[in-house]
Amino acid sequence: MHISSATIAIVGTVFLSMNLFALKPLLKDCQTSQPPDLCIYMEASSTGLVSLMLVLTLLELCIACSVVVLWLRANCCRLRKASSSFPDPGESRMPPNESKEIQS
């Protein structure tokens, strides 16, 4: 789930960055057809909202990547410990009661 969240955050970052850079040329046409005050308000509010969404998406990306890295570290270490811990040769695989009965 966190890997999909990180992937979606990367896609969102790309889309929001493209939107932020494409916003300026779109708002230049506004000044010819609308009053200048309205264009300034539209530019400020849309740039501010897209920038805020970009910052929050980057924060989501950082959190998702951190969780994925921590999860991988925890699982890889657990797998290494499980595969590297060999049974002790002196250890008996039979319960203690059965080993006494066989010896008698």
PDB file of N, CA and C in Angstrom:
ATOM      1  N   MET A   1       0.819  -1.183   0.000  1.00  0.00           N
ATOM      2  CA  MET A   1       0.000   0.000   0.000  1.00  0.00           C
ATOM      3  C   MET A   1       0.874   1.264   0.000  1.00  0.00           C
ATOM      4  N   HIS A   2       1.952   1.210   0.757  1.00  0.00           N
ATOM      5  CA  HIS A   2       2.823   2.382   0.820  1.00  0.00           C
ATOM      6  C   HIS A   2       3.605   2.561  -0.479  1.00  0.00           C
ATOM      7  N   ILE A   3       3.907   1.463  -1.142  1.00  0.00           N
ATOM      8  CA  ILE A   3       4.602   1.569  -2.426  1.00  0.00           C
ATOM      9  C   ILE A   3       3.684   2.218  -3.457  1.00  0.00           C
ATOM     10  N   SER A   4       2.417   1.859  -3.459  1.00  0.00           N
ATOM     11  CA  SER A   4       1.481   2.496  -4.387  1.00  0.00           C
ATOM     12  C   SER A   4       1.278   3.967  -4.027  1.00  0.00           C
ATOM     13  N   SER A   5       1.280   4.284  -2.755  1.00  0.00           N
ATOM     14  CA  SER A   5       1.168   5.675  -2.333  1.00  0.00           C
ATOM     15  C   SER A   5       2.368   6.496  -2.796  1.00  0.00           C
ATOM     16  N   ALA A   6       3.558   5.914  -2.707  1.00  0.00           N
ATOM     17  CA  ALA A   6       4.756   6.612  -3.180  1.00  0.00           C
ATOM     18  C   ALA A   6       4.711   6.802  -4.687  1.00  0.00           C
ATOM     19  N   THR A   7       4.240   5.798  -5.410  1.00  0.00           N
ATOM     20  CA  THR A   7       4.138   5.905  -6.870  1.00  0.00           C
ATOM     21  C   THR A   7       3.144   6.983  -7.265  1.00  0.00           C
ATOM     22  N   ILE A   8       2.012   7.006  -6.616  1.00  0.00           N
ATOM     23  CA  ILE A   8       0.999   8.022  -6.913  1.00  0.00           C
ATOM     24  C   ILE A   8       1.510   9.419  -6.549  1.00  0.00           C
ATOM     25  N   ALA A   9       2.270   9.524  -5.479  1.00  0.00           N
ATOM     26  CA  ALA A   9       2.836  10.815  -5.089  1.00  0.00           C
ATOM     27  C   ALA A   9       3.846  11.306  -6.135  1.00  0.00           C
ATOM     28  N   ILE A  10       4.613  10.385  -6.724  1.00  0.00           N
ATOM     29  CA  ILE A  10       5.547  10.783  -7.784  1.00  0.00           C
ATOM     30  C   ILE A  10       4.781  11.297  -9.000  1.00  0.00           C
ATOM     31  N   VAL A  11       3.729  10.575  -9.378  1.00  0.00           N
ATOM     32  CA  VAL A  11       2.909  11.002 -10.515  1.00  0.00           C
ATOM     33  C   VAL A  11       2.255  12.349 -10.217  1.00  0.00           C
ATOM     34  N   GLY A  12       1.733  12.521  -9.009  1.00  0.00           N
ATOM     35  CA  GLY A  12       1.119  13.792  -8.623  1.00  0.00           C
ATOM     36  C   GLY A  12       2.112  14.941  -8.639  1.00  0.00           C
ATOM     37  N   THR A  13       3.341  14.672  -8.204  1.00  0.00           N
ATOM     38  CA  THR A  13       4.375  15.715  -8.223  1.00  0.00           C
ATOM     39  C   THR A  13       4.678  16.149  -9.647  1.00  0.00           C
ATOM     40  N   VAL A  14       4.760  15.180 -10.541  1.00  0.00           N
ATOM     41  CA  VAL A  14       5.030  15.510 -11.947  1.00  0.00           C
ATOM     42  C   VAL A  14       3.885  16.337 -12.536  1.00  0.00           C
ATOM     43  N   PHE A  15       2.647  15.892 -12.309  1.00  0.00           N
ATOM     44  CA  PHE A  15       1.501  16.621 -12.849  1.00  0.00           C
ATOM     45  C   PHE A  15       1.388  18.030 -12.270  1.00  0.00           C
ATOM     46  N   LEU A  16       1.573  18.172 -10.981  1.00  0.00           N
ATOM     47  CA  LEU A  16       1.468  19.494 -10.367  1.00  0.00           C
ATOM     48  C   LEU A  16       2.594  20.414 -10.821  1.00  0.00           C
ATOM     49  N   SER A  17       3.786  19.877 -11.013  1.00  0.00           N
ATOM     50  CA  SER A  17       4.896  20.690 -11.519  1.00  0.00           C
ATOM     51  C   SER A  17       4.604  21.175 -12.927  1.00  0.00           C
ATOM     52  N   MET A  18       4.078  20.281 -13.765  1.00  0.00           N
ATOM     53  CA  MET A  18       3.729  20.687 -15.134  1.00  0.00           C
ATOM     54  C   MET A  18       2.624  21.738 -15.112  1.00  0.00           C
ATOM     55  N   ASN A  19       1.655  21.565 -14.221  1.00  0.00           N
ATOM     56  CA  ASN A  19       0.566  22.532 -14.106  1.00  0.00           C
ATOM     57  C   ASN A  19       1.088  23.891 -13.655  1.00  0.00           C
ATOM     58  N   LEU A  20       2.030  23.878 -12.740  1.00  0.00           N
ATOM     59  CA  LEU A  20       2.578  25.137 -12.228  1.00  0.00           C
ATOM     60  C   LEU A  20       3.334  25.895 -13.324  1.00  0.00           C
ATOM     61  N   PHE A  21       4.085  25.159 -14.150  1.00  0.00           N
ATOM     62  CA  PHE A  21       4.822  25.827 -15.225  1.00  0.00           C
ATOM     63  C   PHE A  21       3.923  26.226 -16.386  1.00  0.00           C
ATOM     64  N   ALA A  22       2.827  25.516 -16.601  1.00  0.00           N
ATOM     65  CA  ALA A  22       1.916  25.847 -17.697  1.00  0.00           C
ATOM     66  C   ALA A  22       0.910  26.922 -17.304  1.00  0.00           C
ATOM     67  N   LEU A  23       0.897  27.311 -16.051  1.00  0.00           N
ATOM     68  CA  LEU A  23      -0.093  28.268 -15.564  1.00  0.00           C
ATOM     69  C   LEU A  23       0.186  29.688 -16.048  1.00  0.00           C
ATOM     70  N   LYS A  24       1.442  30.062 -16.118  1.00  0.00           N
ATOM     71  CA  LYS A  24       1.804  31.429 -16.525  1.00  0.00           C
ATOM     72  C   LYS A  24       1.310  31.772 -17.925  1.00  0.00           C
ATOM     73  N   PRO A  25       1.592  30.945 -18.937  1.00  0.00           N
ATOM     74  CA  PRO A  25       1.105  31.300 -20.276  1.00  0.00           C
ATOM     75  C   PRO A  25      -0.414  31.350 -20.366  1.00  0.00           C
ATOM     76  N   LEU A  26      -1.103  30.517 -19.615  1.00  0.00           N
ATOM     77  CA  LEU A  26      -2.562  30.526 -19.657  1.00  0.00           C
ATOM     78  C   LEU A  26      -3.127  31.808 -19.049  1.00  0.00           C
ATOM     79  N   LEU A  27      -2.468  32.322 -18.019  1.00  0.00           N
ATOM     80  CA  LEU A  27      -2.981  33.528 -17.363  1.00  0.00           C
ATOM     81  C   LEU A  27      -2.597  34.809 -18.101  1.00  0.00           C
ATOM     82  N   LYS A  28      -1.660  34.750 -19.048  1.00  0.00           N
ATOM     83  CA  LYS A  28      -1.327  35.942 -19.840  1.00  0.00           C
ATOM     84  C   LYS A  28      -2.489  36.342 -20.733  1.00  0.00           C
ATOM     85  N   ASP A  29      -3.244  35.364 -21.206  1.00  0.00           N
ATOM     86  CA  ASP A  29      -4.421  35.663 -22.027  1.00  0.00           C
ATOM     87  C   ASP A  29      -5.526  36.317 -21.217  1.00  0.00           C
ATOM     88  N   CYS A  30      -5.509  36.128 -19.929  1.00  0.00           N
ATOM     89  CA  CYS A  30      -6.542  36.680 -19.060  1.00  0.00           C
ATOM     90  C   CYS A  30      -6.494  38.208 -19.051  1.00  0.00           C
ATOM     91  N   GLN A  31      -5.314  38.776 -19.134  1.00  0.00           N
ATOM     92  CA  GLN A  31      -5.174  40.225 -19.018  1.00  0.00           C
ATOM     93  C   GLN A  31      -5.798  40.973 -20.187  1.00  0.00           C
ATOM     94  N   THR A  32      -5.955  40.325 -21.318  1.00  0.00           N
ATOM     95  CA  THR A  32      -6.574  41.003 -22.459  1.00  0.00           C
ATOM     96  C   THR A  32      -8.092  40.930 -22.414  1.00  0.00           C
ATOM     97  N   SER A  33      -8.643  39.879 -21.800  1.00  0.00           N
ATOM     98  CA  SER A  33     -10.094  39.706 -21.825  1.00  0.00           C
ATOM     99  C   SER A  33     -10.787  40.027 -20.498  1.00  0.00           C
ATOM    100  N   GLN A  34     -10.072  40.106 -19.410  1.00  0.00           N
ATOM    101  CA  GLN A  34     -10.669  40.333 -18.090  1.00  0.00           C
ATOM    102  C   GLN A  34     -10.052  41.585 -17.456  1.00  0.00           C
ATOM    103  N   PRO A  35     -10.714  42.103 -16.416  1.00  0.00           N
ATOM    104  CA  PRO A  35     -10.122  43.233 -15.681  1.00  0.00           C
ATOM    105  C   PRO A  35      -8.810  42.800 -15.009  1.00  0.00           C
ATOM    106  N   PRO A  36      -7.847  43.707 -14.912  1.00  0.00           N
ATOM    107  CA  PRO A  36      -6.538  43.337 -14.349  1.00  0.00           C
ATOM    108  C   PRO A  36      -6.602  42.844 -12.901  1.00  0.00           C
ATOM    109  N   ASP A  37      -7.492  43.413 -12.088  1.00  0.00           N
ATOM    110  CA  ASP A  37      -7.590  42.965 -10.691  1.00  0.00           C
ATOM    111  C   ASP A  37      -8.011  41.499 -10.592  1.00  0.00           C
ATOM    112  N   LEU A  38      -8.964  41.123 -11.422  1.00  0.00           N
ATOM    113  CA  LEU A  38      -9.439  39.746 -11.418  1.00  0.00           C
ATOM    114  C   LEU A  38      -8.326  38.800 -11.871  1.00  0.00           C
ATOM    115  N   CYS A  39      -7.554  39.198 -12.855  1.00  0.00           N
ATOM    116  CA  CYS A  39      -6.459  38.358 -13.349  1.00  0.00           C
ATOM    117  C   CYS A  39      -5.376  38.180 -12.280  1.00  0.00           C
ATOM    118  N   ILE A  40      -5.077  39.259 -11.566  1.00  0.00           N
ATOM    119  CA  ILE A  40      -4.074  39.170 -10.504  1.00  0.00           C
ATOM    120  C   ILE A  40      -4.568  38.243  -9.395  1.00  0.00           C
ATOM    121  N   TYR A  41      -5.851  38.368  -9.044  1.00  0.00           N
ATOM    122  CA  TYR A  41      -6.416  37.497  -8.016  1.00  0.00           C
ATOM    123  C   TYR A  41      -6.407  36.039  -8.467  1.00  0.00           C
ATOM    124  N   MET A  42      -6.785  35.786  -9.706  1.00  0.00           N
ATOM    125  CA  MET A  42      -6.807  34.413 -10.232  1.00  0.00           C
ATOM    126  C   MET A  42      -5.399  33.831 -10.280  1.00  0.00           C
ATOM    127  N   GLU A  43      -4.432  34.633 -10.673  1.00  0.00           N
ATOM    128  CA  GLU A  43      -3.056  34.148 -10.755  1.00  0.00           C
ATOM    129  C   GLU A  43      -2.512  33.817  -9.366  1.00  0.00           C
ATOM    130  N   ALA A  44      -2.747  34.714  -8.419  1.00  0.00           N
ATOM    131  CA  ALA A  44      -2.231  34.489  -7.070  1.00  0.00           C
ATOM    132  C   ALA A  44      -2.884  33.272  -6.410  1.00  0.00           C
ATOM    133  N   SER A  45      -4.200  33.178  -6.540  1.00  0.00           N
ATOM    134  CA  SER A  45      -4.891  32.069  -5.868  1.00  0.00           C
ATOM    135  C   SER A  45      -4.573  30.727  -6.530  1.00  0.00           C
ATOM    136  N   SER A  46      -4.545  30.679  -7.843  1.00  0.00           N
ATOM    137  CA  SER A  46      -4.269  29.395  -8.501  1.00  0.00           C
ATOM    138  C   SER A  46      -2.817  28.972  -8.302  1.00  0.00           C
ATOM    139  N   THR A  47      -1.888  29.915  -8.366  1.00  0.00           N
ATOM    140  CA  THR A  47      -0.486  29.582  -8.127  1.00  0.00           C
ATOM    141  C   THR A  47      -0.282  29.133  -6.682  1.00  0.00           C
ATOM    142  N   GLY A  48      -0.922  29.802  -5.761  1.00  0.00           N
ATOM    143  CA  GLY A  48      -0.801  29.440  -4.355  1.00  0.00           C
ATOM    144  C   GLY A  48      -1.372  28.062  -4.062  1.00  0.00           C
ATOM    145  N   LEU A  49      -2.541  27.757  -4.629  1.00  0.00           N
ATOM    146  CA  LEU A  49      -3.150  26.445  -4.393  1.00  0.00           C
ATOM    147  C   LEU A  49      -2.335  25.316  -5.014  1.00  0.00           C
ATOM    148  N   VAL A  50      -1.858  25.525  -6.230  1.00  0.00           N
ATOM    149  CA  VAL A  50      -1.054  24.485  -6.882  1.00  0.00           C
ATOM    150  C   VAL A  50       0.267  24.302  -6.134  1.00  0.00           C
ATOM    151  N   SER A  51       0.846  25.392  -5.664  1.00  0.00           N
ATOM    152  CA  SER A  51       2.097  25.284  -4.893  1.00  0.00           C
ATOM    153  C   SER A  51       1.870  24.544  -3.579  1.00  0.00           C
ATOM    154  N   LEU A  52       0.770  24.824  -2.907  1.00  0.00           N
ATOM    155  CA  LEU A  52       0.449  24.129  -1.659  1.00  0.00           C
ATOM    156  C   LEU A  52       0.233  22.640  -1.904  1.00  0.00           C
ATOM    157  N   MET A  53      -0.497  22.317  -2.961  1.00  0.00           N
ATOM    158  CA  MET A  53      -0.708  20.900  -3.276  1.00  0.00           C
ATOM    159  C   MET A  53       0.610  20.215  -3.623  1.00  0.00           C
ATOM    160  N   LEU A  54       1.507  20.929  -4.295  1.00  0.00           N
ATOM    161  CA  LEU A  54       2.812  20.368  -4.638  1.00  0.00           C
ATOM    162  C   LEU A  54       3.634  20.091  -3.381  1.00  0.00           C
ATOM    163  N   VAL A  55       3.630  21.012  -2.446  1.00  0.00           N
ATOM    164  CA  VAL A  55       4.371  20.827  -1.190  1.00  0.00           C
ATOM    165  C   VAL A  55       3.797  19.649  -0.399  1.00  0.00           C
ATOM    166  N   LEU A  56       2.471  19.557  -0.323  1.00  0.00           N
ATOM    167  CA  LEU A  56       1.848  18.460   0.414  1.00  0.00           C
ATOM    168  C   LEU A  56       2.084  17.110  -0.277  1.00  0.00           C
ATOM    169  N   THR A  57       2.111  17.116  -1.598  1.00  0.00           N
ATOM    170  CA  THR A  57       2.398  15.880  -2.327  1.00  0.00           C
ATOM    171  C   THR A  57       3.839  15.449  -2.100  1.00  0.00           C
ATOM    172  N   LEU A  58       4.756  16.387  -2.062  1.00  0.00           N
ATOM    173  CA  LEU A  58       6.154  16.054  -1.767  1.00  0.00           C
ATOM    174  C   LEU A  58       6.299  15.526  -0.340  1.00  0.00           C
ATOM    175  N   LEU A  59       5.548  16.098   0.587  1.00  0.00           N
ATOM    176  CA  LEU A  59       5.552  15.592   1.964  1.00  0.00           C
ATOM    177  C   LEU A  59       5.008  14.164   2.018  1.00  0.00           C
ATOM    178  N   GLU A  60       3.938  13.907   1.272  1.00  0.00           N
ATOM    179  CA  GLU A  60       3.394  12.548   1.194  1.00  0.00           C
ATOM    180  C   GLU A  60       4.417  11.584   0.607  1.00  0.00           C
ATOM    181  N   LEU A  61       5.142  12.040  -0.403  1.00  0.00           N
ATOM    182  CA  LEU A  61       6.168  11.204  -1.016  1.00  0.00           C
ATOM    183  C   LEU A  61       7.275  10.869  -0.022  1.00  0.00           C
ATOM    184  N   CYS A  62       7.704  11.853   0.748  1.00  0.00           N
ATOM    185  CA  CYS A  62       8.753  11.612   1.751  1.00  0.00           C
ATOM    186  C   CYS A  62       8.288  10.620   2.815  1.00  0.00           C
ATOM    187  N   ILE A  63       7.068  10.782   3.285  1.00  0.00           N
ATOM    188  CA  ILE A  63       6.544   9.893   4.322  1.00  0.00           C
ATOM    189  C   ILE A  63       6.381   8.478   3.775  1.00  0.00           C
ATOM    190  N   ALA A  64       5.827   8.363   2.575  1.00  0.00           N
ATOM    191  CA  ALA A  64       5.613   7.031   1.997  1.00  0.00           C
ATOM    192  C   ALA A  64       6.941   6.327   1.742  1.00  0.00           C
ATOM    193  N   CYS A  65       7.925   7.056   1.231  1.00  0.00           N
ATOM    194  CA  CYS A  65       9.233   6.444   0.986  1.00  0.00           C
ATOM    195  C   CYS A  65       9.907   6.041   2.297  1.00  0.00           C
ATOM    196  N   SER A  66       9.766   6.853   3.320  1.00  0.00           N
ATOM    197  CA  SER A  66      10.349   6.515   4.623  1.00  0.00           C
ATOM    198  C   SER A  66       9.725   5.249   5.197  1.00  0.00           C
ATOM    199  N   VAL A  67       8.418   5.142   5.092  1.00  0.00           N
ATOM    200  CA  VAL A  67       7.738   3.956   5.609  1.00  0.00           C
ATOM    201  C   VAL A  67       8.146   2.719   4.813  1.00  0.00           C
ATOM    202  N   VAL A  68       8.264   2.853   3.498  1.00  0.00           N
ATOM    203  CA  VAL A  68       8.680   1.717   2.670  1.00  0.00           C
ATOM    204  C   VAL A  68      10.095   1.275   3.037  1.00  0.00           C
ATOM    205  N   VAL A  69      10.995   2.234   3.227  1.00  0.00           N
ATOM    206  CA  VAL A  69      12.374   1.891   3.576  1.00  0.00           C
ATOM    207  C   VAL A  69      12.428   1.213   4.941  1.00  0.00           C
ATOM    208  N   LEU A  70      11.696   1.732   5.905  1.00  0.00           N
ATOM    209  CA  LEU A  70      11.674   1.104   7.234  1.00  0.00           C
ATOM    210  C   LEU A  70      11.076  -0.300   7.185  1.00  0.00           C
ATOM    211  N   TRP A  71      10.028  -0.481   6.384  1.00  0.00           N
ATOM    212  CA  TRP A  71       9.410  -1.795   6.253  1.00  0.00           C
ATOM    213  C   TRP A  71      10.379  -2.783   5.602  1.00  0.00           C
ATOM    214  N   LEU A  72      11.086  -2.319   4.576  1.00  0.00           N
ATOM    215  CA  LEU A  72      12.049  -3.200   3.916  1.00  0.00           C
ATOM    216  C   LEU A  72      13.198  -3.565   4.846  1.00  0.00           C
ATOM    217  N   ARG A  73      13.676  -2.603   5.607  1.00  0.00           N
ATOM    218  CA  ARG A  73      14.753  -2.898   6.560  1.00  0.00           C
ATOM    219  C   ARG A  73      14.307  -3.918   7.596  1.00  0.00           C
ATOM    220  N   ALA A  74      13.109  -3.757   8.095  1.00  0.00           N
ATOM    221  CA  ALA A  74      12.603  -4.678   9.118  1.00  0.00           C
ATOM    222  C   ALA A  74      12.431  -6.074   8.543  1.00  0.00           C
ATOM    223  N   ASN A  75      11.892  -6.176   7.354  1.00  0.00           N
ATOM    224  CA  ASN A  75      11.659  -7.492   6.766  1.00  0.00           C
ATOM    225  C   ASN A  75      12.945  -8.134   6.277  1.00  0.00           C
ATOM    226  N   CYS A  76      13.847  -7.385   5.724  1.00  0.00           N
ATOM    227  CA  CYS A  76      15.114  -7.952   5.257  1.00  0.00           C
ATOM    228  C   CYS A  76      15.950  -8.435   6.437  1.00  0.00           C
ATOM    229  N   CYS A  77      15.986  -7.693   7.509  1.00  0.00           N
ATOM    230  CA  CYS A  77      16.749  -8.102   8.692  1.00  0.00           C
ATOM    231  C   CYS A  77      16.141  -9.358   9.303  1.00  0.00           C
ATOM    232  N   ARG A  78      14.839  -9.452   9.322  1.00  0.00           N
ATOM    233  CA  ARG A  78      14.176 -10.623   9.878  1.00  0.00           C
ATOM    234  C   ARG A  78      14.465 -11.846   9.002  1.00  0.00           C
ATOM    235  N   LEU A  79      14.466 -11.659   7.674  1.00  0.00           N
ATOM    236  CA  LEU A  79      14.775 -12.782   6.786  1.00  0.00           C
ATOM    237  C   LEU A  79      16.225 -13.215   6.934  1.00  0.00           C
ATOM    238  N   ARG A  80      17.136 -12.261   7.078  1.00  0.00           N
ATOM    239  CA  ARG A  80      18.551 -12.604   7.254  1.00  0.00           C
ATOM    240  C   ARG A  80      18.764 -13.371   8.552  1.00  0.00           C
ATOM    241  N   LYS A  81      18.102 -12.934   9.612  1.00  0.00           N
ATOM    242  CA  LYS A  81      18.253 -13.622  10.895  1.00  0.00           C
ATOM    243  C   LYS A  81      17.687 -15.032  10.810  1.00  0.00           C
ATOM    244  N   ALA A  82      16.571 -15.192  10.129  1.00  0.00           N
ATOM    245  CA  ALA A  82      15.952 -16.506  10.016  1.00  0.00           C
ATOM    246  C   ALA A  82      16.812 -17.444   9.181  1.00  0.00           C
ATOM    247  N   SER A  83      17.425 -16.941   8.131  1.00  0.00           N
ATOM    248  CA  SER A  83      18.225 -17.816   7.277  1.00  0.00           C
ATOM    249  C   SER A  83      19.621 -18.047   7.837  1.00  0.00           C
ATOM    250  N   SER A  84      20.128 -17.138   8.651  1.00  0.00           N
ATOM    251  CA  SER A  84      21.484 -17.304   9.164  1.00  0.00           C
ATOM    252  C   SER A  84      21.531 -18.045  10.492  1.00  0.00           C
ATOM    253  N   SER A  85      20.407 -18.234  11.139  1.00  0.00           N
ATOM    254  CA  SER A  85      20.425 -18.933  12.420  1.00  0.00           C
ATOM    255  C   SER A  85      20.222 -20.426  12.170  1.00  0.00           C
ATOM    256  N   PHE A  86      21.314 -21.168  12.167  1.00  0.00           N
ATOM    257  CA  PHE A  86      21.271 -22.611  11.978  1.00  0.00           C
ATOM    258  C   PHE A  86      21.075 -23.281  13.329  1.00  0.00           C
ATOM    259  N   PRO A  87      20.451 -24.448  13.354  1.00  0.00           N
ATOM    260  CA  PRO A  87      20.242 -25.124  14.643  1.00  0.00           C
ATOM    261  C   PRO A  87      21.571 -25.587  15.233  1.00  0.00           C
ATOM    262  N   ASP A  88      21.614 -25.579  16.515  1.00  0.00           N
ATOM    263  CA  ASP A  88      22.807 -26.008  17.241  1.00  0.00           C
ATOM    264  C   ASP A  88      22.949 -27.528  17.097  1.00  0.00           C
ATOM    265  N   PRO A  89      24.151 -28.051  16.735  1.00  0.00           N
ATOM    266  CA  PRO A  89      24.276 -29.498  16.554  1.00  0.00           C
ATOM    267  C   PRO A  89      24.025 -30.287  17.831  1.00  0.00           C
ATOM    268  N   GLY A  90      24.241 -29.715  18.986  1.00  0.00           N
ATOM    269  CA  GLY A  90      24.010 -30.418  20.242  1.00  0.00           C
ATOM    270  C   GLY A  90      22.552 -30.458  20.627  1.00  0.00           C
ATOM    271  N   GLU A  91      21.733 -29.696  19.914  1.00  0.00           N
ATOM    272  CA  GLU A  91      20.319 -29.613  20.215  1.00  0.00           C
ATOM    273  C   GLU A  91      19.603 -30.865  19.740  1.00  0.00           C
ATOM    274  N   SER A  92      18.773 -31.408  20.553  1.00  0.00           N
ATOM    275  CA  SER A  92      17.993 -32.565  20.166  1.00  0.00           C
ATOM    276  C   SER A  92      16.663 -32.101  19.625  1.00  0.00           C
ATOM    277  N   ARG A  93      16.186 -32.749  18.598  1.00  0.00           N
ATOM    278  CA  ARG A  93      14.909 -32.371  18.015  1.00  0.00           C
ATOM    279  C   ARG A  93      13.747 -33.116  18.696  1.00  0.00           C
ATOM    280  N   MET A  94      14.040 -34.047  19.563  1.00  0.00           N
ATOM    281  CA  MET A  94      12.990 -34.774  20.261  1.00  0.00           C
ATOM    282  C   MET A  94      12.696 -34.095  21.590  1.00  0.00           C
ATOM    283  N   PRO A  95      11.475 -34.206  22.027  1.00  0.00           N
ATOM    284  CA  PRO A  95      11.150 -33.654  23.346  1.00  0.00           C
ATOM    285  C   PRO A  95      11.977 -34.357  24.413  1.00  0.00           C
ATOM    286  N   PRO A  96      12.227 -33.723  25.555  1.00  0.00           N
ATOM    287  CA  PRO A  96      13.081 -34.294  26.593  1.00  0.00           C
ATOM    288  C   PRO A  96      12.600 -35.641  27.109  1.00  0.00           C
ATOM    289  N   ASN A  97      11.306 -35.865  27.232  1.00  0.00           N
ATOM    290  CA  ASN A  97      10.786 -37.125  27.753  1.00  0.00           C
ATOM    291  C   ASN A  97      11.105 -38.283  26.818  1.00  0.00           C
ATOM    292  N   GLU A  98      11.003 -38.075  25.531  1.00  0.00           N
ATOM    293  CA  GLU A  98      11.251 -39.146  24.572  1.00  0.00           C
ATOM    294  C   GLU A  98      12.721 -39.524  24.533  1.00  0.00           C
ATOM    295  N   SER A  99      13.615 -38.551  24.691  1.00  0.00           N
ATOM    296  CA  SER A  99      15.035 -38.875  24.644  1.00  0.00           C
ATOM    297  C   SER A  99      15.435 -39.730  25.842  1.00  0.00           C
ATOM    298  N   LYS A 100      14.797 -39.590  26.994  1.00  0.00           N
ATOM    299  CA  LYS A 100      15.101 -40.414  28.179  1.00  0.00           C
ATOM    300  C   LYS A 100      14.596 -41.848  27.979  1.00  0.00           C
ATOM    301  N   GLU A 101      13.418 -41.983  27.317  1.00  0.00           N
ATOM    302  CA  GLU A 101      12.867 -43.298  27.089  1.00  0.00           C
ATOM    303  C   GLU A 101      13.709 -44.093  26.111  1.00  0.00           C
ATOM    304  N   ILE A 102      14.282 -43.460  25.113  1.00  0.00           N
ATOM    305  CA  ILE A 102      15.097 -44.149  24.128  1.00  0.00           C
ATOM    306  C   ILE A 102      16.400 -44.606  24.764  1.00  0.00           C
ATOM    307  N   GLN A 103      16.980 -43.815  25.654  1.00  0.00           N
ATOM    308  CA  GLN A 103      18.251 -44.167  26.288  1.00  0.00           C
ATOM    309  C   GLN A 103      18.085 -45.315  27.261  1.00  0.00           C
ATOM    310  N   SER A 104      16.933 -45.513  27.893  1.00  0.00           N
ATOM    311  CA  SER A 104      16.757 -46.561  28.883  1.00  0.00           C
ATOM    312  C   SER A 104      16.569 -47.920  28.296  1.00  0.00           C
TER     313      SER A 104
END
